[in-house]
C-alpha atoms as a PDB file:
ATOM      1  CA  MET A   1      32.914  15.098  13.500  1.00  0.00           C
ATOM      2  CA  SER A   2      34.630  11.422  12.486  1.00  0.00           C
ATOM      3  CA  THR A   3      34.366  10.596  16.592  1.00  0.00           C
ATOM      4  CA  LEU A   4      30.679  11.724  16.612  1.00  0.00           C
ATOM      5  CA  ALA A   5      29.911   9.378  13.435  1.00  0.00           C
ATOM      6  CA  ASP A   6      31.717   6.638  15.147  1.00  0.00           C
ATOM      7  CA  ASP A   7      29.761   6.547  18.026  1.00  0.00           C
ATOM      8  CA  LEU A   8      26.312   6.863  16.696  1.00  0.00           C
ATOM      9  CA  ALA A   9      27.417   4.255  14.411  1.00  0.00           C
ATOM     10  CA  THR A  10      28.081   1.863  17.613  1.00  0.00           C
ATOM     11  CA  TYR A  11      24.623   3.223  19.032  1.00  0.00           C
ATOM     12  CA  LEU A  12      22.747   1.969  15.714  1.00  0.00           C
ATOM     13  CA  ARG A  13      24.473  -1.322  15.604  1.00  0.00           C
ATOM     14  CA  GLU A  14      23.663  -1.891  19.337  1.00  0.00           C
ATOM     15  CA  GLN A  15      19.883  -0.836  18.447  1.00  0.00           C
ATOM     16  CA  GLY A  16      19.871  -3.676  15.830  1.00  0.00           C
ATOM     17  CA  LYS A  17      20.002  -1.261  12.750  1.00  0.00           C
ATOM     18  CA  SER A  18      21.034  -2.641   9.303  1.00  0.00           C
ATOM     19  CA  ALA A  19      24.514  -1.857   7.843  1.00  0.00           C
ATOM     20  CA  GLN A  20      22.255  -0.021   5.039  1.00  0.00           C
ATOM     21  CA  THR A  21      20.515   2.018   7.546  1.00  0.00           C
ATOM     22  CA  ILE A  22      23.523   2.997   9.288  1.00  0.00           C
ATOM     23  CA  ARG A  23      25.059   3.836   6.291  1.00  0.00           C
ATOM     24  CA  ALA A  24      21.927   5.991   5.454  1.00  0.00           C
ATOM     25  CA  TYR A  25      21.858   7.905   8.872  1.00  0.00           C
ATOM     26  CA  LEU A  26      25.724   8.594   9.022  1.00  0.00           C
ATOM     27  CA  THR A  27      25.092  10.266   5.567  1.00  0.00           C
ATOM     28  CA  ASP A  28      22.561  12.396   6.806  1.00  0.00           C
ATOM     29  CA  LEU A  29      24.704  13.114   9.439  1.00  0.00           C
ATOM     30  CA  THR A  30      27.469  14.555   7.336  1.00  0.00           C
ATOM     31  CA  ASP A  31      24.855  16.730   5.456  1.00  0.00           C
ATOM     32  CA  PHE A  32      23.312  18.025   8.455  1.00  0.00           C
ATOM     33  CA  SER A  33      26.936  18.672   9.861  1.00  0.00           C
ATOM     34  CA  ALA A  34      28.122  20.538   6.440  1.00  0.00           C
ATOM     35  CA  TRP A  35      24.673  22.727   6.654  1.00  0.00           C
ATOM     36  CA  PHE A  36      25.454  23.587  10.015  1.00  0.00           C
ATOM     37  CA  ALA A  37      28.742  24.675   9.589  1.00  0.00           C
ATOM     38  CA  ARG A  38      27.806  26.977   6.499  1.00  0.00           C
ATOM     39  CA  VAL A  39      24.638  28.996   8.437  1.00  0.00           C
ATOM     40  CA  ASN A  40      27.016  29.286  11.685  1.00  0.00           C
ATOM     41  CA  GLU A  41      29.844  30.889  10.163  1.00  0.00           C
ATOM     42  CA  GLY A  42      32.163  27.504  10.246  1.00  0.00           C
ATOM     43  CA  GLU A  43      31.287  26.418  13.562  1.00  0.00           C
ATOM     44  CA  ALA A  44      32.048  22.870  13.738  1.00  0.00           C
ATOM     45  CA  LEU A  45      29.115  20.739  14.826  1.00  0.00           C
ATOM     46  CA  GLU A  46      29.101  19.731  18.754  1.00  0.00           C
ATOM     47  CA  LEU A  47      26.161  17.517  19.801  1.00  0.00           C
ATOM     48  CA  ALA A  48      25.733  19.805  22.907  1.00  0.00           C
ATOM     49  CA  HIS A  49      24.924  22.613  20.780  1.00  0.00           C
ATOM     50  CA  ILE A  50      22.578  21.453  18.509  1.00  0.00           C
ATOM     51  CA  THR A  51      19.152  23.163  19.164  1.00  0.00           C
ATOM     52  CA  ILE A  52      15.429  22.629  17.901  1.00  0.00           C
ATOM     53  CA  LEU A  53      15.973  25.739  16.321  1.00  0.00           C
ATOM     54  CA  ASP A  54      18.777  24.423  14.361  1.00  0.00           C
ATOM     55  CA  VAL A  55      16.634  21.222  13.170  1.00  0.00           C
ATOM     56  CA  GLN A  56      13.550  23.169  12.170  1.00  0.00           C
ATOM     57  CA  GLN A  57      15.929  25.410  10.252  1.00  0.00           C
ATOM     58  CA  TYR A  58      17.740  22.494   8.594  1.00  0.00           C
ATOM     59  CA  ARG A  59      14.050  20.728   7.819  1.00  0.00           C
ATOM     60  CA  GLN A  60      13.030  23.913   6.290  1.00  0.00           C
ATOM     61  CA  HIS A  61      16.144  24.131   4.311  1.00  0.00           C
ATOM     62  CA  LEU A  62      15.512  20.250   3.197  1.00  0.00           C
ATOM     63  CA  LEU A  63      11.815  21.389   2.088  1.00  0.00           C
ATOM     64  CA  ASP A  64      13.186  24.294  -0.006  1.00  0.00           C
ATOM     65  CA  THR A  65      15.622  22.295  -1.832  1.00  0.00           C
ATOM     66  CA  ALA A  66      14.532  18.418  -1.716  1.00  0.00           C
ATOM     67  CA  ALA A  67      12.480  17.209  -4.686  1.00  0.00           C
ATOM     68  CA  LYS A  68       9.798  15.637  -2.609  1.00  0.00           C
ATOM     69  CA  PRO A  69       8.326  15.298   0.677  1.00  0.00           C
ATOM     70  CA  ALA A  70       9.496  11.916   1.061  1.00  0.00           C
ATOM     71  CA  THR A  71      13.125  12.675   0.391  1.00  0.00           C
ATOM     72  CA  VAL A  72      12.824  15.120   2.816  1.00  0.00           C
ATOM     73  CA  ASN A  73      11.782  12.536   5.431  1.00  0.00           C
ATOM     74  CA  ARG A  74      14.068   9.947   4.824  1.00  0.00           C
ATOM     75  CA  ARG A  75      17.018  12.670   5.486  1.00  0.00           C
ATOM     76  CA  LEU A  76      15.471  13.675   8.368  1.00  0.00           C
ATOM     77  CA  ALA A  77      15.472   9.940  10.258  1.00  0.00           C
ATOM     78  CA  GLY A  78      18.836  10.199  10.653  1.00  0.00           C
ATOM     79  CA  LEU A  79      18.455  13.385  12.844  1.00  0.00           C
ATOM     80  CA  ARG A  80      15.761  11.637  14.868  1.00  0.00           C
ATOM     81  CA  ALA A  81      18.271   8.868  15.443  1.00  0.00           C
ATOM     82  CA  LEU A  82      21.011  11.458  16.815  1.00  0.00           C
ATOM     83  CA  GLY A  83      18.508  12.973  18.949  1.00  0.00           C
ATOM     84  CA  ARG A  84      17.131   9.659  20.410  1.00  0.00           C
ATOM     85  CA  TRP A  85      21.137   9.056  20.938  1.00  0.00           C
ATOM     86  CA  ALA A  86      21.918  12.340  22.563  1.00  0.00           C
ATOM     87  CA  GLU A  87      19.267  11.627  25.023  1.00  0.00           C
ATOM     88  CA  GLU A  88      19.787   7.890  25.836  1.00  0.00           C
ATOM     89  CA  GLU A  89      23.772   7.845  25.740  1.00  0.00           C
ATOM     90  CA  ARG A  90      24.857  11.794  26.640  1.00  0.00           C
ATOM     91  CA  GLY A  91      21.959  12.708  28.931  1.00  0.00           C
ATOM     92  CA  LEU A  92      21.295  15.822  26.595  1.00  0.00           C
ATOM     93  CA  ASP A  93      17.911  17.111  25.469  1.00  0.00           C
ATOM     94  CA  ASN A  94      16.454  15.403  22.086  1.00  0.00           C
ATOM     95  CA  PHE A  95      16.557  18.395  20.062  1.00  0.00           C
ATOM     96  CA  ALA A  96      14.753  16.353  17.607  1.00  0.00           C
ATOM     97  CA  ARG A  97      11.828  15.117  19.610  1.00  0.00           C
ATOM     98  CA  ARG A  98       9.253  17.472  17.930  1.00  0.00           C
ATOM     99  CA  LEU A  99      10.524  17.148  14.601  1.00  0.00           C
ATOM    100  CA  LYS A 100       7.790  17.065  12.259  1.00  0.00           C
ATOM    101  CA  GLY A 101       8.145  15.219   8.874  1.00  0.00           C
ATOM    102  CA  ALA A 102       6.902  16.964   5.596  1.00  0.00           C
ATOM    103  CA  ARG A 103       3.687  16.108   4.576  1.00  0.00           C
ATOM    104  CA  THR A 104       3.113  13.724   1.427  1.00  0.00           C
ATOM    105  CA  THR A 105       0.217  13.685  -0.751  1.00  0.00           C
ATOM    106  CA  PRO A 106      -1.974  10.908  -0.162  1.00  0.00           C
ATOM    107  CA  TYR A 107      -1.149   8.083  -2.771  1.00  0.00           C
ATOM    108  CA  ARG A 108      -4.152   6.948  -4.580  1.00  0.00           C
ATOM    109  CA  PRO A 109      -3.207   3.257  -6.030  1.00  0.00           C
ATOM    110  CA  GLN A 110      -4.095   2.396  -9.723  1.00  0.00           C
ATOM    111  CA  ALA A 111      -7.585   1.350 -10.004  1.00  0.00           C
ATOM    112  CA  LEU A 112      -9.521  -0.065 -13.664  1.00  0.00           C
ATOM    113  CA  SER A 113     -12.560   1.424 -14.647  1.00  0.00           C
ATOM    114  CA  ARG A 114     -15.903  -0.518 -14.895  1.00  0.00           C
ATOM    115  CA  ASN A 115     -15.667  -1.056 -18.427  1.00  0.00           C
ATOM    116  CA  GLN A 116     -11.883  -2.240 -17.935  1.00  0.00           C
ATOM    117  CA  VAL A 117     -13.099  -5.036 -15.230  1.00  0.00           C
ATOM    118  CA  ASN A 118     -15.820  -6.308 -17.515  1.00  0.00           C
ATOM    119  CA  ARG A 119     -13.487  -6.484 -20.238  1.00  0.00           C
ATOM    120  CA  LEU A 120     -10.990  -8.544 -18.165  1.00  0.00           C
ATOM    121  CA  MET A 121     -14.129 -10.561 -16.960  1.00  0.00           C
ATOM    122  CA  ARG A 122     -15.076 -10.925 -20.220  1.00  0.00           C
ATOM    123  CA  GLU A 123     -11.964 -12.470 -21.473  1.00  0.00           C
ATOM    124  CA  ALA A 124     -12.162 -14.948 -18.872  1.00  0.00           C
ATOM    125  CA  MET A 125     -15.893 -15.861 -19.394  1.00  0.00           C
ATOM    126  CA  LEU A 126     -14.915 -16.501 -23.370  1.00  0.00           C
ATOM    127  CA  ALA A 127     -12.202 -19.017 -22.223  1.00  0.00           C
ATOM    128  CA  LYS A 128     -15.262 -20.632 -20.287  1.00  0.00           C
ATOM    129  CA  ARG A 129     -12.823 -20.887 -17.375  1.00  0.00           C
ATOM    130  CA  ASN A 130     -15.093 -20.846 -14.267  1.00  0.00           C
ATOM    131  CA  ARG A 131     -12.035 -21.352 -11.635  1.00  0.00           C
ATOM    132  CA  ASP A 132     -10.411 -18.178 -13.541  1.00  0.00           C
ATOM    133  CA  LEU A 133     -13.555 -16.169 -13.375  1.00  0.00           C
ATOM    134  CA  ALA A 134     -14.111 -17.194  -9.944  1.00  0.00           C
ATOM    135  CA  VAL A 135     -10.377 -15.742  -8.736  1.00  0.00           C
ATOM    136  CA  VAL A 136     -10.980 -12.643 -10.824  1.00  0.00           C
ATOM    137  CA  LEU A 137     -14.462 -11.785  -9.005  1.00  0.00           C
ATOM    138  CA  LEU A 138     -13.137 -12.784  -5.455  1.00  0.00           C
ATOM    139  CA  LEU A 139      -9.905  -9.875  -6.082  1.00  0.00           C
ATOM    140  CA  ALA A 140     -12.267  -7.296  -8.029  1.00  0.00           C
ATOM    141  CA  GLN A 141     -15.508  -7.702  -6.402  1.00  0.00           C
ATOM    142  CA  ALA A 142     -14.806  -8.922  -2.602  1.00  0.00           C
ATOM    143  CA  GLY A 143     -11.426  -7.129  -2.502  1.00  0.00           C
ATOM    144  CA  LEU A 144      -9.354  -9.821  -1.267  1.00  0.00           C
ATOM    145  CA  ARG A 145      -5.548  -9.993  -1.646  1.00  0.00           C
ATOM    146  CA  VAL A 146      -3.864 -12.529  -4.036  1.00  0.00           C
ATOM    147  CA  GLY A 147      -2.273 -14.548  -1.127  1.00  0.00           C
ATOM    148  CA  GLU A 148      -5.870 -14.792   1.169  1.00  0.00           C
ATOM    149  CA  VAL A 149      -7.211 -16.100  -2.265  1.00  0.00           C
ATOM    150  CA  ALA A 150      -4.242 -18.519  -2.766  1.00  0.00           C
ATOM    151  CA  ARG A 151      -4.900 -20.078   0.842  1.00  0.00           C
ATOM    152  CA  LEU A 152      -8.748 -20.327   0.778  1.00  0.00           C
ATOM    153  CA  GLN A 153      -9.905 -23.952   1.319  1.00  0.00           C
ATOM    154  CA  VAL A 154     -13.350 -25.030   0.408  1.00  0.00           C
ATOM    155  CA  GLY A 155     -14.646 -24.772   4.046  1.00  0.00           C
ATOM    156  CA  ASP A 156     -14.111 -21.206   3.929  1.00  0.00           C
ATOM    157  CA  ILE A 157     -16.987 -20.381   1.253  1.00  0.00           C
ATOM    158  CA  GLU A 158     -20.701 -20.365   2.575  1.00  0.00           C
ATOM    159  CA  LEU A 159     -23.091 -20.247  -0.556  1.00  0.00           C
ATOM    160  CA  GLY A 160     -26.653 -19.553   0.105  1.00  0.00           C
ATOM    161  CA  GLU A 161     -29.682 -19.037  -1.862  1.00  0.00           C
ATOM    162  CA  ARG A 162     -29.761 -15.115  -1.420  1.00  0.00           C
ATOM    163  CA  LYS A 163     -26.460 -14.608   0.466  1.00  0.00           C
ATOM    164  CA  GLY A 164     -22.856 -15.933   0.687  1.00  0.00           C
ATOM    165  CA  THR A 165     -19.667 -14.893   2.407  1.00  0.00           C
ATOM    166  CA  VAL A 166     -16.206 -16.046   2.256  1.00  0.00           C
ATOM    167  CA  THR A 167     -13.912 -16.451   5.553  1.00  0.00           C
ATOM    168  CA  VAL A 168     -10.555 -15.272   5.641  1.00  0.00           C
ATOM    169  CA  ARG A 169      -8.777 -16.669   8.450  1.00  0.00           C
ATOM    170  CA  ALA A 170      -5.025 -15.696   7.816  1.00  0.00           C
ATOM    171  CA  GLY A 171      -5.387 -12.446   6.180  1.00  0.00           C
ATOM    172  CA  LYS A 172      -2.198  -9.509   6.842  1.00  0.00           C
ATOM    173  CA  GLY A 173      -1.145  -9.612  10.140  1.00  0.00           C
ATOM    174  CA  ALA A 174      -3.201 -12.814  10.871  1.00  0.00           C
ATOM    175  CA  ARG A 175      -6.191 -10.996  11.091  1.00  0.00           C
ATOM    176  CA  TYR A 176      -9.974 -12.965  10.316  1.00  0.00           C
ATOM    177  CA  ARG A 177     -12.798 -11.522   8.830  1.00  0.00           C
ATOM    178  CA  GLU A 178     -15.758 -12.384   7.205  1.00  0.00           C
ATOM    179  CA  VAL A 179     -16.712 -10.758   3.510  1.00  0.00           C
ATOM    180  CA  PRO A 180     -20.113 -10.757   2.186  1.00  0.00           C
ATOM    181  CA  LEU A 181     -20.335 -12.097  -0.998  1.00  0.00           C
ATOM    182  CA  ASN A 182     -22.495 -10.618  -4.255  1.00  0.00           C
ATOM    183  CA  LYS A 183     -24.737 -12.524  -6.522  1.00  0.00           C
ATOM    184  CA  ASP A 184     -22.130 -12.208  -9.310  1.00  0.00           C
ATOM    185  CA  VAL A 185     -18.904 -13.617  -7.154  1.00  0.00           C
ATOM    186  CA  ARG A 186     -21.929 -16.324  -5.718  1.00  0.00           C
ATOM    187  CA  ALA A 187     -23.034 -17.555  -9.025  1.00  0.00           C
ATOM    188  CA  ALA A 188     -18.770 -17.783 -10.419  1.00  0.00           C
ATOM    189  CA  LEU A 189     -18.178 -19.649  -7.303  1.00  0.00           C
ATOM    190  CA  ARG A 190     -20.840 -22.215  -8.109  1.00  0.00           C
ATOM    191  CA  ALA A 191     -20.163 -22.657 -11.540  1.00  0.00           C
ATOM    192  CA  TRP A 192     -16.673 -23.540 -10.321  1.00  0.00           C
ATOM    193  CA  LEU A 193     -17.518 -25.576  -7.058  1.00  0.00           C
ATOM    194  CA  ASP A 194     -19.713 -27.813  -9.643  1.00  0.00           C
ATOM    195  CA  GLU A 195     -16.928 -28.816 -11.624  1.00  0.00           C
ATOM    196  CA  ARG A 196     -14.097 -29.040  -9.307  1.00  0.00           C
ATOM    197  CA  PRO A 197     -12.487 -32.240  -8.833  1.00  0.00           C
ATOM    198  CA  ALA A 198     -14.006 -34.018  -5.765  1.00  0.00           C
ATOM    199  CA  ASP A 199     -10.820 -35.427  -4.630  1.00  0.00           C
ATOM    200  CA  ALA A 200      -8.748 -32.252  -4.873  1.00  0.00           C
ATOM    201  CA  GLY A 201      -8.175 -31.925  -1.336  1.00  0.00           C
ATOM    202  CA  GLU A 202      -8.971 -28.843   0.761  1.00  0.00           C
ATOM    203  CA  ALA A 203      -7.518 -26.273  -1.366  1.00  0.00           C
ATOM    204  CA  LEU A 204     -10.429 -24.023  -3.302  1.00  0.00           C
ATOM    205  CA  PHE A 205      -8.787 -23.305  -6.076  1.00  0.00           C
ATOM    206  CA  VAL A 206      -6.770 -26.224  -7.781  1.00  0.00           C
ATOM    207  CA  GLY A 207      -4.616 -26.671 -11.008  1.00  0.00           C
ATOM    208  CA  GLN A 208      -5.282 -29.316 -13.720  1.00  0.00           C
ATOM    209  CA  ARG A 209      -3.173 -32.143 -11.738  1.00  0.00           C
ATOM    210  CA  GLY A 210      -5.119 -31.081  -8.202  1.00  0.00           C
ATOM    211  CA  GLN A 211      -2.191 -29.178  -6.838  1.00  0.00           C
ATOM    212  CA  PRO A 212      -3.260 -25.955  -5.046  1.00  0.00           C
ATOM    213  CA  LEU A 213      -3.197 -22.596  -7.180  1.00  0.00           C
ATOM    214  CA  GLY A 214      -0.448 -20.444  -5.481  1.00  0.00           C
ATOM    215  CA  VAL A 215       0.224 -16.467  -5.758  1.00  0.00           C
ATOM    216  CA  SER A 216       2.207 -17.058  -8.873  1.00  0.00           C
ATOM    217  CA  GLY A 217      -0.652 -18.811 -10.747  1.00  0.00           C
ATOM    218  CA  ILE A 218      -3.126 -16.473  -9.724  1.00  0.00           C
ATOM    219  CA  THR A 219      -0.749 -13.245 -10.547  1.00  0.00           C
ATOM    220  CA  TYR A 220      -0.326 -15.096 -14.387  1.00  0.00           C
ATOM    221  CA  LEU A 221      -4.197 -15.767 -15.234  1.00  0.00           C
ATOM    222  CA  VAL A 222      -4.416 -12.161 -14.073  1.00  0.00           C
ATOM    223  CA  ARG A 223      -2.397 -10.765 -16.232  1.00  0.00           C
ATOM    224  CA  LYS A 224      -3.109 -13.002 -19.036  1.00  0.00           C
ATOM    225  CA  TYR A 225      -6.632 -12.007 -19.111  1.00  0.00           C
ATOM    226  CA  ALA A 226      -5.981  -8.377 -18.781  1.00  0.00           C
ATOM    227  CA  GLN A 227      -3.452  -8.731 -21.570  1.00  0.00           C
ATOM    228  CA  ALA A 228      -6.068 -10.344 -23.779  1.00  0.00           C
ATOM    229  CA  ALA A 229      -8.357  -7.251 -23.081  1.00  0.00           C
ATOM    230  CA  GLY A 230      -5.778  -4.838 -23.797  1.00  0.00           C
ATOM    231  CA  LEU A 231      -4.920  -3.782 -20.546  1.00  0.00           C
ATOM    232  CA  ASN A 232      -1.021  -3.277 -19.343  1.00  0.00           C
ATOM    233  CA  ASP A 233       0.627  -3.455 -15.980  1.00  0.00           C
ATOM    234  CA  VAL A 234      -2.547  -5.437 -13.979  1.00  0.00           C
ATOM    235  CA  SER A 235      -1.705  -7.329 -11.447  1.00  0.00           C
ATOM    236  CA  PRO A 236      -3.986  -8.885  -8.513  1.00  0.00           C
ATOM    237  CA  HIS A 237      -3.294  -5.971  -6.329  1.00  0.00           C
ATOM    238  CA  THR A 238      -4.736  -3.589  -9.222  1.00  0.00           C
ATOM    239  CA  LEU A 239      -7.835  -5.862  -8.907  1.00  0.00           C
ATOM    240  CA  ARG A 240      -8.147  -5.010  -4.873  1.00  0.00           C
ATOM    241  CA  HIS A 241      -7.478  -1.575  -5.652  1.00  0.00           C
ATOM    242  CA  THR A 242     -10.117  -1.287  -8.055  1.00  0.00           C
ATOM    243  CA  PHE A 243     -12.759  -2.975  -5.565  1.00  0.00           C
ATOM    244  CA  ALA A 244     -11.695  -0.409  -2.857  1.00  0.00           C
ATOM    245  CA  THR A 245     -12.221   2.600  -4.948  1.00  0.00           C
ATOM    246  CA  GLN A 246     -15.288   1.269  -6.761  1.00  0.00           C
ATOM    247  CA  LEU A 247     -16.767   0.631  -3.361  1.00  0.00           C
ATOM    248  CA  LEU A 248     -16.102   3.743  -1.650  1.00  0.00           C
ATOM    249  CA  ASP A 249     -17.873   5.463  -4.453  1.00  0.00           C
ATOM    250  CA  ALA A 250     -20.680   3.245  -4.349  1.00  0.00           C
ATOM    251  CA  SER A 251     -20.854   3.674  -0.303  1.00  0.00           C
ATOM    252  CA  GLY A 252     -20.731   7.343  -0.305  1.00  0.00           C
ATOM    253  CA  HIS A 253     -17.293   7.149   1.193  1.00  0.00           C
ATOM    254  CA  ASP A 254     -17.950   5.215   3.743  1.00  0.00           C
ATOM    255  CA  LEU A 255     -14.499   4.360   5.259  1.00  0.00           C
ATOM    256  CA  ARG A 256     -15.158   2.036   8.202  1.00  0.00           C
ATOM    257  CA  LEU A 257     -16.864  -0.054   5.641  1.00  0.00           C
ATOM    258  CA  VAL A 258     -14.173  -0.349   2.964  1.00  0.00           C
ATOM    259  CA  GLN A 259     -11.892  -0.702   5.784  1.00  0.00           C
ATOM    260  CA  HIS A 260     -13.724  -3.550   7.477  1.00  0.00           C
ATOM    261  CA  LEU A 261     -14.245  -5.321   4.017  1.00  0.00           C
ATOM    262  CA  LEU A 262     -10.425  -5.080   2.990  1.00  0.00           C
ATOM    263  CA  GLY A 263      -9.138  -5.949   6.478  1.00  0.00           C
ATOM    264  CA  HIS A 264      -7.112  -2.632   6.784  1.00  0.00           C
ATOM    265  CA  SER A 265      -6.093  -2.209  10.444  1.00  0.00           C
ATOM    266  CA  ARG A 266      -5.530   1.309  10.152  1.00  0.00           C
ATOM    267  CA  ILE A 267      -8.393   3.755   8.928  1.00  0.00           C
ATOM    268  CA  GLU A 268      -5.101   5.990   7.337  1.00  0.00           C
ATOM    269  CA  THR A 269      -4.486   2.908   4.897  1.00  0.00           C
ATOM    270  CA  THR A 270      -8.225   3.036   3.545  1.00  0.00           C
ATOM    271  CA  ALA A 271      -7.988   6.767   3.298  1.00  0.00           C
ATOM    272  CA  ARG A 272      -5.643   6.559   0.617  1.00  0.00           C
ATOM    273  CA  TYR A 273      -8.293   5.709  -1.622  1.00  0.00           C
ATOM    274  CA  LEU A 274     -10.045   8.991  -1.384  1.00  0.00           C
ATOM    275  CA  LYS A 275      -7.576  11.002  -3.669  1.00  0.00           C
ATOM    276  CA  PRO A 276      -9.281  11.622  -6.737  1.00  0.00           C
ATOM    277  CA  SER A 277      -7.701  10.383  -9.826  1.00  0.00           C
ATOM    278  CA  ALA A 278      -6.466  13.032 -12.538  1.00  0.00           C
ATOM    279  CA  GLU A 279      -9.380  12.598 -14.827  1.00  0.00           C
ATOM    280  CA  ALA A 280     -11.817  12.979 -12.192  1.00  0.00           C
ATOM    281  CA  ALA A 281     -10.347  16.260 -10.841  1.00  0.00           C
ATOM    282  CA  LEU A 282     -10.247  17.776 -14.574  1.00  0.00           C
ATOM    283  CA  GLU A 283     -13.677  16.660 -15.010  1.00  0.00           C
ATOM    284  CA  ALA A 284     -15.013  18.216 -11.758  1.00  0.00           C
ATOM    285  CA  LEU A 285     -13.056  21.297 -12.973  1.00  0.00           C
ATOM    286  CA  GLU A 286     -14.707  21.349 -16.382  1.00  0.00           C
ATOM    287  CA  LYS A 287     -18.057  21.581 -14.765  1.00  0.00           C
ATOM    288  CA  LEU A 288     -17.287  25.177 -13.594  1.00  0.00           C
ATOM    289  CA  SER A 289     -16.193  26.155 -16.656  1.00  0.00           C
ATOM    290  CA  VAL A 290     -18.781  28.645 -18.559  1.00  0.00           C
ATOM    291  CA  GLY A 291     -17.413  28.332 -22.003  1.00  0.00           C
ATOM    292  CA  LEU A 292     -14.962  31.301 -22.552  1.00  0.00           C
ATOM    293  CA  GLY A 293     -12.336  28.406 -23.704  1.00  0.00           C
ATOM    294  CA  GLU A 294     -14.356  26.291 -26.275  1.00  0.00           C
ATOM    295  CA  GLU A 295     -12.102  24.404 -28.932  1.00  0.00           C
END
């Protein structure tokens, strides 16, 4: 076993794996080896004797005993590395080639209710800070990432009488996209542009001294207004999630539309927002009740 582990570690280092990843994979190998010996009446683990049946049975063992699918998938990663090494370095069949991970429940990120978003915006309006309101609305009603808002320049905003757009020139993965702006965002941007210092350079959002408003500054102002509105654990990303969730509902679950506006490269990323909240699920189930359990 020690020779097998040493050889696997050498292979992983040649593949450029980090020391942390190598340690994790070797732990996976140790766990699999102990299980293998237990179910095969003390037989020592040998690479040539591992079959697809063994790894599938081990996967089921993990599903039966591990706490979460993510834990199962993490521990199967070491077996996949072992299978690739067996094929590439020893010329054996990759016994883990068809090894499937555990299915995970889609995660729906935290989102605010409409009332909560309105409370947050109201705090910015009461503070009479047009810049801050425009920032909040670009996050909550245009779905921009906080880094995208921080990098916006004045020339990225086009405001017409009845329509407007924001151009994101360097989104995640250096992807370019144009996002339409609703009337709320257009009004907030006009109010900010009317008072923005003319000598402030190209950055759209600047501080009191004319310096560009960065990610930390945007995060600070969002949290400040959220706390004033009595909301906890709200970040710029929360507002982007809120935009995605509300837009899916408003568009009749048009994933392609939401994918485009959010700038997601994969439709699976957008699909996370389809998972209903616990409150929505309970509300739907309560509609099935005939009143036998009235409280």
